[in-house]
Amino acid sequence: MNSLRIRRIALAVATAAVLPFALTACSEDGTSSDAAPAASASAGGSDPATTSSEPATAMDKPFGTGCAGVPKEGAGSFDGMAKDPVATAASNNPALSTLVAAVERAGLVDTLNNASNITVFAPTDDAFAKIPKADLDKVLADKATLTKILTYHVVGQKLTPKQLENGSFETLEKGRITTAGSGETYKVDGTSTVVCGNVPTANATVYIVDTVLMPK
């Protein structure tokens, strides 16, 4: 009987000794558990900032339906064009062959390639095809007129899509072009639509357009 009582006392002492450690462990677990939701809430709190920055990030990239025709790799791809100055980059884009030929005839290759931080509104081959052939041939044969038209497509600063929303910019031709739109839809001079915008080259930002711009 005395032996049984001694065992009970020993068990009670052991339990009393272990209990504080168990409570401490529970307390530590509770702290960890509380910290996890706090960290989760903190992460959740950063989501709106991340979400709000996504549109800006998206607009740092090329956009528009016409971008689908840009090669996925090679010198004519977006990555390839970003490595070359603008006239060279354009020469690697199959949709801009008429523009490239016009730039070469006007002797503007070096001018464009050596410029810093410019924006080029680049008409596609289809844009030039809208001009009657006789008229286009006449322009291509007249270097002064051709230069005037081509330099009207160039602005002496890099323009972001945000700046195009309601803009008016002096061109290298000394005239002014106007831009309007939002999101991924922009018009230049009210008649030419940006089909692939915000394309980076080594020294320029390119907005590919579907209509040739004409100086006022």
N, C-alpha and C. Protein backbone atom coordinates (compact mmCIF):
# COMPACT_ATOMS: atom_id res chain seq x y z
N MET A 1 0.85 -1.20 0.00
CA MET A 1 0.00 0.00 0.00
C MET A 1 0.87 1.24 0.00
N ASN A 2 1.88 1.21 0.88
CA ASN A 2 2.81 2.32 0.91
C ASN A 2 3.52 2.47 -0.42
N SER A 3 3.81 1.33 -1.03
CA SER A 3 4.47 1.35 -2.34
C SER A 3 3.59 2.00 -3.39
N LEU A 4 2.29 1.68 -3.39
CA LEU A 4 1.35 2.27 -4.36
C LEU A 4 1.26 3.77 -4.17
N ARG A 5 1.22 4.19 -2.87
CA ARG A 5 1.12 5.63 -2.59
C ARG A 5 2.37 6.36 -3.06
N ILE A 6 3.51 5.74 -2.88
CA ILE A 6 4.77 6.35 -3.31
C ILE A 6 4.78 6.52 -4.82
N ARG A 7 4.26 5.52 -5.54
CA ARG A 7 4.20 5.61 -7.01
C ARG A 7 3.31 6.77 -7.46
N ARG A 8 2.16 6.92 -6.78
CA ARG A 8 1.22 8.00 -7.12
C ARG A 8 1.88 9.37 -6.90
N ILE A 9 2.59 9.47 -5.77
CA ILE A 9 3.27 10.75 -5.48
C ILE A 9 4.33 11.04 -6.54
N ALA A 10 5.09 10.02 -6.90
CA ALA A 10 6.13 10.20 -7.92
C ALA A 10 5.52 10.62 -9.25
N LEU A 11 4.36 9.99 -9.62
CA LEU A 11 3.69 10.35 -10.87
C LEU A 11 3.22 11.79 -10.85
N ALA A 12 2.70 12.23 -9.69
CA ALA A 12 2.21 13.60 -9.57
C ALA A 12 3.35 14.59 -9.72
N VAL A 13 4.49 14.26 -9.10
CA VAL A 13 5.66 15.14 -9.20
C VAL A 13 6.16 15.22 -10.64
N ALA A 14 6.19 14.08 -11.30
CA ALA A 14 6.64 14.04 -12.70
C ALA A 14 5.73 14.85 -13.59
N THR A 15 4.41 14.72 -13.34
CA THR A 15 3.43 15.47 -14.14
C THR A 15 3.60 16.96 -13.94
N ALA A 16 3.80 17.35 -12.65
CA ALA A 16 3.98 18.77 -12.33
C ALA A 16 5.23 19.32 -12.99
N ALA A 17 6.26 18.48 -13.08
CA ALA A 17 7.51 18.93 -13.70
C ALA A 17 7.37 19.08 -15.19
N VAL A 18 6.63 18.19 -15.83
CA VAL A 18 6.47 18.21 -17.29
C VAL A 18 5.51 19.28 -17.75
N LEU A 19 4.50 19.60 -16.94
CA LEU A 19 3.42 20.51 -17.36
C LEU A 19 3.92 21.87 -17.81
N PRO A 20 4.85 22.52 -17.07
CA PRO A 20 5.31 23.84 -17.56
C PRO A 20 5.93 23.78 -18.94
N PHE A 21 6.69 22.68 -19.20
CA PHE A 21 7.29 22.55 -20.52
C PHE A 21 6.24 22.37 -21.59
N ALA A 22 5.19 21.64 -21.27
CA ALA A 22 4.10 21.43 -22.23
C ALA A 22 3.39 22.73 -22.53
N LEU A 23 3.16 23.53 -21.45
CA LEU A 23 2.49 24.82 -21.63
C LEU A 23 3.36 25.76 -22.46
N THR A 24 4.69 25.70 -22.18
CA THR A 24 5.61 26.54 -22.94
C THR A 24 5.58 26.18 -24.41
N ALA A 25 5.58 24.89 -24.66
CA ALA A 25 5.53 24.43 -26.05
C ALA A 25 4.26 24.89 -26.72
N CYS A 26 3.14 24.80 -26.00
CA CYS A 26 1.86 25.25 -26.57
C CYS A 26 1.91 26.74 -26.85
N SER A 27 2.52 27.47 -25.92
CA SER A 27 2.61 28.91 -26.10
C SER A 27 3.44 29.25 -27.33
N GLU A 28 4.57 28.52 -27.51
CA GLU A 28 5.42 28.77 -28.66
C GLU A 28 4.71 28.42 -29.95
N ASP A 29 3.96 27.32 -29.92
CA ASP A 29 3.20 26.95 -31.12
C ASP A 29 2.18 28.02 -31.43
N GLY A 30 1.56 28.55 -30.36
CA GLY A 30 0.54 29.57 -30.57
C GLY A 30 1.14 30.81 -31.18
N THR A 31 2.36 31.14 -30.71
CA THR A 31 3.02 32.31 -31.26
C THR A 31 3.32 32.11 -32.73
N SER A 32 3.81 30.94 -33.09
CA SER A 32 4.11 30.64 -34.48
C SER A 32 2.86 30.68 -35.31
N SER A 33 1.79 30.15 -34.74
CA SER A 33 0.53 30.12 -35.47
C SER A 33 0.02 31.53 -35.72
N ASP A 34 0.18 32.40 -34.68
CA ASP A 34 -0.26 33.78 -34.83
C ASP A 34 0.60 34.50 -35.86
N ALA A 35 1.88 34.18 -35.88
CA ALA A 35 2.79 34.86 -36.80
C ALA A 35 2.49 34.51 -38.24
N ALA A 36 2.08 33.27 -38.47
CA ALA A 36 1.80 32.84 -39.84
C ALA A 36 0.70 33.65 -40.47
N PRO A 37 -0.49 33.83 -39.76
CA PRO A 37 -1.51 34.69 -40.37
C PRO A 37 -1.01 36.10 -40.59
N ALA A 38 -0.16 36.60 -39.65
CA ALA A 38 0.35 37.96 -39.81
C ALA A 38 1.18 38.06 -41.07
N ALA A 39 2.05 37.05 -41.29
CA ALA A 39 2.87 37.05 -42.49
C ALA A 39 1.99 36.92 -43.72
N SER A 40 0.97 36.09 -43.59
CA SER A 40 0.05 35.91 -44.70
C SER A 40 -0.67 37.20 -45.01
N ALA A 41 -1.09 37.92 -43.94
CA ALA A 41 -1.79 39.19 -44.14
C ALA A 41 -0.86 40.19 -44.79
N SER A 42 0.44 40.13 -44.34
CA SER A 42 1.41 41.04 -44.94
C SER A 42 1.58 40.75 -46.41
N ALA A 43 1.66 39.47 -46.75
CA ALA A 43 1.78 39.10 -48.15
C ALA A 43 0.54 39.50 -48.91
N GLY A 44 -0.61 39.32 -48.24
CA GLY A 44 -1.86 39.71 -48.89
C GLY A 44 -1.90 41.20 -49.11
N GLY A 45 -1.32 41.94 -48.15
CA GLY A 45 -1.32 43.38 -48.27
C GLY A 45 -0.48 43.85 -49.43
N SER A 46 0.51 43.03 -49.83
CA SER A 46 1.38 43.45 -50.92
C SER A 46 0.75 43.16 -52.28
N ASP A 47 -0.27 42.31 -52.28
CA ASP A 47 -0.90 41.94 -53.54
C ASP A 47 -1.49 43.12 -54.29
N PRO A 48 -2.23 44.02 -53.60
CA PRO A 48 -2.78 45.16 -54.33
C PRO A 48 -1.70 45.96 -55.02
N ALA A 49 -0.56 46.15 -54.32
CA ALA A 49 0.52 46.92 -54.95
C ALA A 49 1.03 46.20 -56.18
N THR A 50 1.16 44.87 -56.02
CA THR A 50 1.62 44.09 -57.16
C THR A 50 0.63 44.17 -58.29
N THR A 51 -0.66 44.05 -57.93
CA THR A 51 -1.70 44.10 -58.95
C THR A 51 -1.73 45.46 -59.63
N SER A 52 -1.57 46.52 -58.83
CA SER A 52 -1.63 47.85 -59.42
C SER A 52 -0.45 48.10 -60.36
N SER A 53 0.66 47.40 -60.11
CA SER A 53 1.82 47.63 -60.96
C SER A 53 1.77 46.79 -62.23
N GLU A 54 0.88 45.81 -62.29
CA GLU A 54 0.82 44.93 -63.44
C GLU A 54 0.50 45.66 -64.74
N PRO A 55 -0.49 46.60 -64.75
CA PRO A 55 -0.75 47.29 -66.01
C PRO A 55 0.47 48.05 -66.51
N ALA A 56 1.19 48.71 -65.59
CA ALA A 56 2.38 49.45 -66.00
C ALA A 56 3.42 48.50 -66.58
N THR A 57 3.56 47.34 -65.92
CA THR A 57 4.52 46.36 -66.41
C THR A 57 4.11 45.87 -67.78
N ALA A 58 2.81 45.62 -67.94
CA ALA A 58 2.32 45.14 -69.23
C ALA A 58 2.59 46.16 -70.32
N MET A 59 2.43 47.44 -69.99
CA MET A 59 2.62 48.47 -71.00
C MET A 59 4.09 48.76 -71.26
N ASP A 60 4.98 48.15 -70.51
CA ASP A 60 6.39 48.26 -70.83
C ASP A 60 6.77 47.33 -71.98
N LYS A 61 5.85 46.48 -72.36
CA LYS A 61 6.10 45.49 -73.41
C LYS A 61 5.37 45.90 -74.70
N PRO A 62 5.78 45.35 -75.84
CA PRO A 62 5.05 45.62 -77.08
C PRO A 62 3.60 45.16 -76.97
N PHE A 63 2.72 45.87 -77.63
CA PHE A 63 1.30 45.52 -77.58
C PHE A 63 0.64 45.79 -78.92
N GLY A 64 -0.50 45.16 -79.14
CA GLY A 64 -1.27 45.40 -80.36
C GLY A 64 -1.40 44.15 -81.20
N THR A 65 -2.48 44.10 -82.00
CA THR A 65 -2.76 42.93 -82.83
C THR A 65 -1.66 42.68 -83.86
N GLY A 66 -1.03 43.75 -84.33
CA GLY A 66 0.00 43.60 -85.34
C GLY A 66 1.28 42.95 -84.82
N CYS A 67 1.41 42.87 -83.50
CA CYS A 67 2.62 42.27 -82.94
C CYS A 67 2.68 40.77 -83.21
N ALA A 68 1.54 40.17 -83.52
CA ALA A 68 1.51 38.73 -83.78
C ALA A 68 2.34 38.36 -85.01
N GLY A 69 2.52 39.32 -85.92
CA GLY A 69 3.28 39.05 -87.14
C GLY A 69 4.78 39.21 -86.99
N VAL A 70 5.22 39.65 -85.81
CA VAL A 70 6.65 39.82 -85.57
C VAL A 70 7.27 38.45 -85.31
N PRO A 71 8.41 38.15 -85.94
CA PRO A 71 9.05 36.85 -85.72
C PRO A 71 9.31 36.58 -84.24
N LYS A 72 9.19 35.32 -83.84
CA LYS A 72 9.36 34.95 -82.44
C LYS A 72 10.83 34.93 -82.02
N GLU A 73 11.72 34.74 -82.97
CA GLU A 73 13.14 34.71 -82.63
C GLU A 73 13.96 35.24 -83.79
N GLY A 74 15.22 35.48 -83.53
CA GLY A 74 16.09 36.01 -84.57
C GLY A 74 16.18 37.52 -84.53
N ALA A 75 16.88 38.09 -85.51
CA ALA A 75 17.12 39.54 -85.54
C ALA A 75 15.84 40.35 -85.66
N GLY A 76 14.80 39.78 -86.29
CA GLY A 76 13.55 40.51 -86.47
C GLY A 76 12.57 40.37 -85.32
N SER A 77 12.93 39.58 -84.30
CA SER A 77 12.07 39.42 -83.13
C SER A 77 12.20 40.64 -82.23
N PHE A 78 11.33 40.74 -81.23
CA PHE A 78 11.42 41.87 -80.31
C PHE A 78 12.78 41.89 -79.59
N ASP A 79 13.25 40.74 -79.18
CA ASP A 79 14.55 40.69 -78.51
C ASP A 79 15.68 41.09 -79.46
N GLY A 80 15.56 40.63 -80.72
CA GLY A 80 16.58 40.97 -81.71
C GLY A 80 16.58 42.45 -82.04
N MET A 81 15.39 43.03 -82.22
CA MET A 81 15.30 44.45 -82.55
C MET A 81 15.82 45.33 -81.42
N ALA A 82 15.65 44.87 -80.19
CA ALA A 82 16.10 45.66 -79.04
C ALA A 82 17.61 45.82 -79.00
N LYS A 83 18.32 44.96 -79.70
CA LYS A 83 19.78 45.00 -79.69
C LYS A 83 20.36 45.91 -80.78
N ASP A 84 19.55 46.28 -81.77
CA ASP A 84 20.04 47.06 -82.91
C ASP A 84 19.48 48.47 -82.92
N PRO A 85 20.21 49.44 -83.50
CA PRO A 85 19.65 50.78 -83.68
C PRO A 85 18.46 50.70 -84.64
N VAL A 86 17.63 51.72 -84.62
CA VAL A 86 16.29 51.61 -85.19
C VAL A 86 16.24 51.27 -86.68
N ALA A 87 17.06 51.90 -87.51
CA ALA A 87 17.00 51.61 -88.95
C ALA A 87 17.42 50.17 -89.23
N THR A 88 18.44 49.71 -88.51
CA THR A 88 18.89 48.32 -88.67
C THR A 88 17.82 47.37 -88.16
N ALA A 89 17.23 47.69 -87.02
CA ALA A 89 16.17 46.85 -86.45
C ALA A 89 15.00 46.73 -87.41
N ALA A 90 14.60 47.86 -88.02
CA ALA A 90 13.48 47.85 -88.96
C ALA A 90 13.78 46.99 -90.18
N SER A 91 15.05 46.97 -90.60
CA SER A 91 15.42 46.19 -91.78
C SER A 91 15.26 44.70 -91.55
N ASN A 92 15.19 44.30 -90.29
CA ASN A 92 15.02 42.88 -89.96
C ASN A 92 13.57 42.49 -89.74
N ASN A 93 12.68 43.48 -89.85
CA ASN A 93 11.25 43.20 -89.68
C ASN A 93 10.61 43.10 -91.05
N PRO A 94 10.08 41.93 -91.41
CA PRO A 94 9.55 41.73 -92.77
C PRO A 94 8.37 42.63 -93.13
N ALA A 95 7.69 43.19 -92.13
CA ALA A 95 6.52 44.04 -92.40
C ALA A 95 6.92 45.48 -92.72
N LEU A 96 8.22 45.80 -92.61
CA LEU A 96 8.66 47.19 -92.79
C LEU A 96 9.62 47.36 -93.96
N SER A 97 9.56 46.48 -94.92
CA SER A 97 10.53 46.52 -96.02
C SER A 97 10.41 47.77 -96.87
N THR A 98 9.19 48.26 -97.13
CA THR A 98 9.02 49.48 -97.94
C THR A 98 9.57 50.69 -97.20
N LEU A 99 9.31 50.76 -95.92
CA LEU A 99 9.84 51.85 -95.11
C LEU A 99 11.37 51.84 -95.13
N VAL A 100 11.95 50.69 -94.98
CA VAL A 100 13.41 50.56 -94.99
C VAL A 100 13.99 51.02 -96.33
N ALA A 101 13.34 50.64 -97.42
CA ALA A 101 13.80 51.05 -98.75
C ALA A 101 13.70 52.58 -98.89
N ALA A 102 12.63 53.16 -98.35
CA ALA A 102 12.45 54.61 -98.42
C ALA A 102 13.52 55.32 -97.60
N VAL A 103 13.82 54.80 -96.42
CA VAL A 103 14.85 55.39 -95.55
C VAL A 103 16.21 55.34 -96.25
N GLU A 104 16.49 54.24 -96.92
CA GLU A 104 17.76 54.11 -97.64
C GLU A 104 17.83 55.11 -98.79
N ARG A 105 16.74 55.27 -99.53
CA ARG A 105 16.72 56.21 -100.66
C ARG A 105 16.90 57.65 -100.19
N ALA A 106 16.36 57.94 -99.01
CA ALA A 106 16.47 59.30 -98.48
C ALA A 106 17.82 59.54 -97.81
N GLY A 107 18.62 58.50 -97.65
CA GLY A 107 19.92 58.64 -97.01
C GLY A 107 19.82 58.90 -95.52
N LEU A 108 18.80 58.31 -94.88
CA LEU A 108 18.55 58.59 -93.47
C LEU A 108 18.97 57.45 -92.53
N VAL A 109 19.59 56.42 -93.08
CA VAL A 109 19.95 55.27 -92.24
C VAL A 109 20.86 55.69 -91.09
N ASP A 110 21.94 56.38 -91.42
CA ASP A 110 22.89 56.79 -90.38
C ASP A 110 22.27 57.81 -89.43
N THR A 111 21.45 58.70 -89.97
CA THR A 111 20.79 59.71 -89.14
C THR A 111 19.95 59.04 -88.06
N LEU A 112 19.16 58.06 -88.45
CA LEU A 112 18.29 57.37 -87.50
C LEU A 112 19.07 56.47 -86.56
N ASN A 113 20.05 55.77 -87.10
CA ASN A 113 20.83 54.85 -86.26
C ASN A 113 21.68 55.57 -85.23
N ASN A 114 22.10 56.79 -85.55
CA ASN A 114 22.97 57.53 -84.63
C ASN A 114 22.23 58.46 -83.69
N ALA A 115 20.92 58.58 -83.86
CA ALA A 115 20.12 59.43 -82.98
C ALA A 115 19.97 58.77 -81.62
N SER A 116 19.67 59.58 -80.62
CA SER A 116 19.48 59.04 -79.26
C SER A 116 18.06 59.29 -78.78
N ASN A 117 17.48 58.26 -78.19
CA ASN A 117 16.18 58.39 -77.52
C ASN A 117 15.12 59.05 -78.41
N ILE A 118 14.81 58.41 -79.51
CA ILE A 118 13.78 58.93 -80.42
C ILE A 118 12.60 57.97 -80.47
N THR A 119 11.51 58.45 -81.04
CA THR A 119 10.34 57.61 -81.30
C THR A 119 10.09 57.62 -82.79
N VAL A 120 9.88 56.46 -83.36
CA VAL A 120 9.60 56.34 -84.79
C VAL A 120 8.23 55.72 -84.97
N PHE A 121 7.37 56.41 -85.71
CA PHE A 121 6.08 55.84 -86.12
C PHE A 121 6.33 55.20 -87.48
N ALA A 122 6.35 53.88 -87.50
CA ALA A 122 6.82 53.14 -88.67
C ALA A 122 5.65 52.55 -89.46
N PRO A 123 5.39 53.08 -90.66
CA PRO A 123 4.29 52.53 -91.49
C PRO A 123 4.66 51.14 -92.02
N THR A 124 3.69 50.26 -92.02
CA THR A 124 3.88 48.92 -92.56
C THR A 124 3.89 48.95 -94.09
N ASP A 125 4.24 47.82 -94.67
CA ASP A 125 4.15 47.70 -96.13
C ASP A 125 2.72 47.94 -96.59
N ASP A 126 1.75 47.45 -95.84
CA ASP A 126 0.34 47.64 -96.19
C ASP A 126 -0.04 49.12 -96.15
N ALA A 127 0.59 49.86 -95.24
CA ALA A 127 0.31 51.30 -95.15
C ALA A 127 0.78 52.00 -96.42
N PHE A 128 1.97 51.66 -96.90
CA PHE A 128 2.47 52.25 -98.14
C PHE A 128 1.63 51.79 -99.34
N ALA A 129 1.08 50.58 -99.26
CA ALA A 129 0.26 50.05 -100.36
C ALA A 129 -1.05 50.82 -100.53
N LYS A 130 -1.45 51.57 -99.51
CA LYS A 130 -2.66 52.39 -99.61
C LYS A 130 -2.45 53.58 -100.55
N ILE A 131 -1.18 53.97 -100.75
CA ILE A 131 -0.87 55.10 -101.64
C ILE A 131 -0.85 54.60 -103.08
N PRO A 132 -1.55 55.27 -103.98
CA PRO A 132 -1.51 54.84 -105.39
C PRO A 132 -0.07 54.70 -105.86
N LYS A 133 0.22 53.64 -106.60
CA LYS A 133 1.59 53.32 -106.99
C LYS A 133 2.29 54.48 -107.70
N ALA A 134 1.58 55.16 -108.59
CA ALA A 134 2.19 56.28 -109.31
C ALA A 134 2.63 57.38 -108.35
N ASP A 135 1.79 57.64 -107.37
CA ASP A 135 2.12 58.67 -106.37
C ASP A 135 3.30 58.24 -105.50
N LEU A 136 3.29 56.97 -105.10
CA LEU A 136 4.37 56.46 -104.26
C LEU A 136 5.70 56.49 -105.01
N ASP A 137 5.66 56.07 -106.27
CA ASP A 137 6.89 56.08 -107.08
C ASP A 137 7.43 57.50 -107.22
N LYS A 138 6.51 58.44 -107.37
CA LYS A 138 6.92 59.85 -107.52
C LYS A 138 7.60 60.34 -106.24
N VAL A 139 7.03 59.98 -105.10
CA VAL A 139 7.61 60.39 -103.82
C VAL A 139 8.98 59.75 -103.61
N LEU A 140 9.07 58.46 -103.91
CA LEU A 140 10.33 57.74 -103.73
C LEU A 140 11.44 58.30 -104.62
N ALA A 141 11.04 58.92 -105.73
CA ALA A 141 12.03 59.49 -106.65
C ALA A 141 12.43 60.91 -106.29
N ASP A 142 11.71 61.50 -105.33
CA ASP A 142 11.97 62.90 -104.94
C ASP A 142 12.55 62.89 -103.52
N LYS A 143 13.86 62.99 -103.43
CA LYS A 143 14.53 62.84 -102.14
C LYS A 143 14.08 63.89 -101.12
N ALA A 144 13.89 65.12 -101.55
CA ALA A 144 13.49 66.18 -100.62
C ALA A 144 12.11 65.90 -100.03
N THR A 145 11.16 65.52 -100.89
CA THR A 145 9.81 65.22 -100.42
C THR A 145 9.81 63.97 -99.54
N LEU A 146 10.56 62.96 -99.96
CA LEU A 146 10.65 61.72 -99.20
C LEU A 146 11.24 61.98 -97.82
N THR A 147 12.28 62.79 -97.75
CA THR A 147 12.89 63.12 -96.47
C THR A 147 11.91 63.84 -95.56
N LYS A 148 11.15 64.76 -96.15
CA LYS A 148 10.16 65.52 -95.39
C LYS A 148 9.12 64.58 -94.78
N ILE A 149 8.65 63.63 -95.57
CA ILE A 149 7.63 62.70 -95.09
C ILE A 149 8.20 61.77 -94.02
N LEU A 150 9.38 61.23 -94.26
CA LEU A 150 9.95 60.28 -93.32
C LEU A 150 10.30 60.93 -91.98
N THR A 151 10.88 62.13 -92.02
CA THR A 151 11.25 62.79 -90.77
C THR A 151 10.02 63.26 -89.99
N TYR A 152 8.87 63.35 -90.70
CA TYR A 152 7.62 63.68 -90.00
C TYR A 152 7.19 62.51 -89.11
N HIS A 153 7.70 61.33 -89.36
CA HIS A 153 7.36 60.14 -88.58
C HIS A 153 8.26 59.97 -87.35
N VAL A 154 9.16 60.92 -87.12
CA VAL A 154 10.15 60.76 -86.04
C VAL A 154 10.01 61.89 -85.02
N VAL A 155 9.93 61.52 -83.75
CA VAL A 155 9.87 62.49 -82.65
C VAL A 155 11.16 62.37 -81.85
N GLY A 156 11.70 63.49 -81.43
CA GLY A 156 13.01 63.52 -80.77
C GLY A 156 13.02 63.15 -79.31
N GLN A 157 12.14 62.28 -78.90
CA GLN A 157 12.14 61.77 -77.53
C GLN A 157 11.43 60.42 -77.53
N LYS A 158 11.75 59.60 -76.54
CA LYS A 158 11.06 58.32 -76.43
C LYS A 158 9.69 58.55 -75.79
N LEU A 159 8.65 58.11 -76.46
CA LEU A 159 7.29 58.31 -75.97
C LEU A 159 6.72 57.02 -75.40
N THR A 160 6.14 57.12 -74.22
CA THR A 160 5.47 55.98 -73.61
C THR A 160 4.02 55.93 -74.07
N PRO A 161 3.36 54.79 -73.96
CA PRO A 161 1.94 54.73 -74.30
C PRO A 161 1.12 55.75 -73.53
N LYS A 162 1.47 56.00 -72.28
CA LYS A 162 0.74 56.98 -71.48
C LYS A 162 0.79 58.37 -72.12
N GLN A 163 1.94 58.72 -72.68
CA GLN A 163 2.09 60.03 -73.32
C GLN A 163 1.26 60.14 -74.60
N LEU A 164 0.92 59.00 -75.20
CA LEU A 164 0.15 59.02 -76.44
C LEU A 164 -1.34 59.24 -76.20
N GLU A 165 -1.77 59.16 -74.96
CA GLU A 165 -3.21 59.22 -74.67
C GLU A 165 -3.84 60.53 -75.17
N ASN A 166 -3.13 61.60 -75.04
CA ASN A 166 -3.62 62.89 -75.54
C ASN A 166 -2.40 63.78 -75.76
N GLY A 167 -1.68 63.52 -76.87
CA GLY A 167 -0.40 64.19 -77.05
C GLY A 167 -0.28 64.99 -78.32
N SER A 168 0.68 65.89 -78.30
CA SER A 168 1.05 66.67 -79.47
C SER A 168 2.57 66.83 -79.41
N PHE A 169 3.25 66.38 -80.46
CA PHE A 169 4.71 66.32 -80.40
C PHE A 169 5.34 66.89 -81.67
N GLU A 170 6.42 67.63 -81.46
CA GLU A 170 7.16 68.15 -82.60
C GLU A 170 7.98 67.02 -83.23
N THR A 171 7.99 66.97 -84.54
CA THR A 171 8.73 65.94 -85.26
C THR A 171 10.06 66.50 -85.76
N LEU A 172 10.91 65.61 -86.26
CA LEU A 172 12.17 66.07 -86.83
C LEU A 172 11.96 66.92 -88.08
N GLU A 173 10.80 66.78 -88.69
CA GLU A 173 10.45 67.59 -89.87
C GLU A 173 10.03 69.00 -89.46
N LYS A 174 9.87 69.20 -88.12
CA LYS A 174 9.47 70.47 -87.50
C LYS A 174 7.96 70.69 -87.51
N GLY A 175 7.22 69.72 -88.04
CA GLY A 175 5.76 69.78 -87.90
C GLY A 175 5.36 69.16 -86.58
N ARG A 176 4.05 69.00 -86.35
CA ARG A 176 3.58 68.39 -85.11
C ARG A 176 2.61 67.27 -85.45
N ILE A 177 2.77 66.18 -84.73
CA ILE A 177 1.79 65.10 -84.85
C ILE A 177 0.96 65.07 -83.57
N THR A 178 -0.25 64.58 -83.68
CA THR A 178 -1.11 64.44 -82.52
C THR A 178 -1.41 62.95 -82.30
N THR A 179 -1.59 62.60 -81.05
CA THR A 179 -1.91 61.22 -80.71
C THR A 179 -3.07 61.19 -79.72
N ALA A 180 -3.83 60.12 -79.75
CA ALA A 180 -4.95 59.97 -78.82
C ALA A 180 -5.27 58.49 -78.67
N GLY A 181 -5.80 58.14 -77.50
CA GLY A 181 -6.20 56.75 -77.27
C GLY A 181 -5.93 56.34 -75.84
N SER A 182 -6.01 55.04 -75.59
CA SER A 182 -5.74 54.49 -74.26
C SER A 182 -5.59 52.99 -74.38
N GLY A 183 -5.07 52.39 -73.31
CA GLY A 183 -4.92 50.94 -73.31
C GLY A 183 -4.00 50.47 -74.42
N GLU A 184 -4.58 49.74 -75.37
CA GLU A 184 -3.80 49.26 -76.51
C GLU A 184 -4.33 49.82 -77.83
N THR A 185 -5.12 50.89 -77.75
CA THR A 185 -5.72 51.48 -78.94
C THR A 185 -5.32 52.95 -79.06
N TYR A 186 -4.55 53.27 -80.10
CA TYR A 186 -4.09 54.65 -80.28
C TYR A 186 -4.18 55.06 -81.75
N LYS A 187 -4.48 56.33 -81.96
CA LYS A 187 -4.51 56.92 -83.29
C LYS A 187 -3.44 58.00 -83.37
N VAL A 188 -2.86 58.12 -84.53
CA VAL A 188 -1.88 59.18 -84.78
C VAL A 188 -2.44 60.07 -85.88
N ASP A 189 -2.50 61.38 -85.60
CA ASP A 189 -3.10 62.36 -86.53
C ASP A 189 -4.54 61.99 -86.90
N GLY A 190 -5.18 61.23 -86.05
CA GLY A 190 -6.60 60.91 -86.24
C GLY A 190 -6.89 59.91 -87.34
N THR A 191 -5.88 59.49 -88.09
CA THR A 191 -6.14 58.61 -89.23
C THR A 191 -5.35 57.31 -89.19
N SER A 192 -4.19 57.32 -88.56
CA SER A 192 -3.30 56.16 -88.56
C SER A 192 -3.40 55.44 -87.23
N THR A 193 -3.62 54.12 -87.28
CA THR A 193 -3.78 53.32 -86.07
C THR A 193 -2.48 52.60 -85.72
N VAL A 194 -2.13 52.62 -84.44
CA VAL A 194 -0.98 51.86 -83.97
C VAL A 194 -1.37 50.38 -83.93
N VAL A 195 -0.68 49.56 -84.73
CA VAL A 195 -1.01 48.13 -84.77
C VAL A 195 -0.06 47.30 -83.92
N CYS A 196 1.12 47.85 -83.64
CA CYS A 196 2.06 47.18 -82.73
C CYS A 196 2.89 48.28 -82.09
N GLY A 197 2.65 48.52 -80.82
CA GLY A 197 3.27 49.67 -80.18
C GLY A 197 4.29 49.33 -79.12
N ASN A 198 5.09 50.34 -78.79
CA ASN A 198 6.06 50.25 -77.70
C ASN A 198 7.13 49.18 -77.97
N VAL A 199 7.59 49.14 -79.20
CA VAL A 199 8.62 48.17 -79.60
C VAL A 199 10.00 48.81 -79.35
N PRO A 200 10.83 48.21 -78.51
CA PRO A 200 12.12 48.82 -78.21
C PRO A 200 13.20 48.46 -79.23
N THR A 201 14.03 49.43 -79.56
CA THR A 201 15.28 49.18 -80.28
C THR A 201 16.39 49.77 -79.42
N ALA A 202 17.62 49.64 -79.88
CA ALA A 202 18.75 50.11 -79.06
C ALA A 202 18.70 51.61 -78.79
N ASN A 203 18.11 52.38 -79.70
CA ASN A 203 18.12 53.83 -79.51
C ASN A 203 16.75 54.49 -79.70
N ALA A 204 15.70 53.67 -79.82
CA ALA A 204 14.39 54.25 -80.13
C ALA A 204 13.26 53.38 -79.62
N THR A 205 12.09 54.00 -79.55
CA THR A 205 10.84 53.26 -79.34
C THR A 205 10.06 53.34 -80.63
N VAL A 206 9.54 52.23 -81.09
CA VAL A 206 8.84 52.18 -82.38
C VAL A 206 7.36 51.88 -82.16
N TYR A 207 6.53 52.64 -82.85
CA TYR A 207 5.09 52.36 -82.93
C TYR A 207 4.78 52.08 -84.39
N ILE A 208 4.45 50.85 -84.69
CA ILE A 208 4.15 50.46 -86.07
C ILE A 208 2.71 50.87 -86.38
N VAL A 209 2.53 51.60 -87.48
CA VAL A 209 1.21 52.16 -87.80
C VAL A 209 0.72 51.66 -89.16
N ASP A 210 -0.60 51.78 -89.36
CA ASP A 210 -1.20 51.19 -90.58
C ASP A 210 -1.44 52.19 -91.71
N THR A 211 -1.02 53.44 -91.50
CA THR A 211 -1.22 54.47 -92.53
C THR A 211 -0.01 55.42 -92.52
N VAL A 212 0.46 55.79 -93.71
CA VAL A 212 1.57 56.72 -93.81
C VAL A 212 1.10 58.12 -93.38
N LEU A 213 1.87 58.75 -92.51
CA LEU A 213 1.54 60.09 -92.03
C LEU A 213 2.04 61.13 -93.02
N MET A 214 1.25 62.15 -93.23
CA MET A 214 1.62 63.20 -94.17
C MET A 214 1.75 64.54 -93.45
N PRO A 215 2.87 65.24 -93.65
CA PRO A 215 3.04 66.55 -93.01
C PRO A 215 1.92 67.49 -93.42
N LYS A 216 1.58 68.37 -92.52
CA LYS A 216 0.51 69.33 -92.79
C LYS A 216 0.97 70.31 -93.88
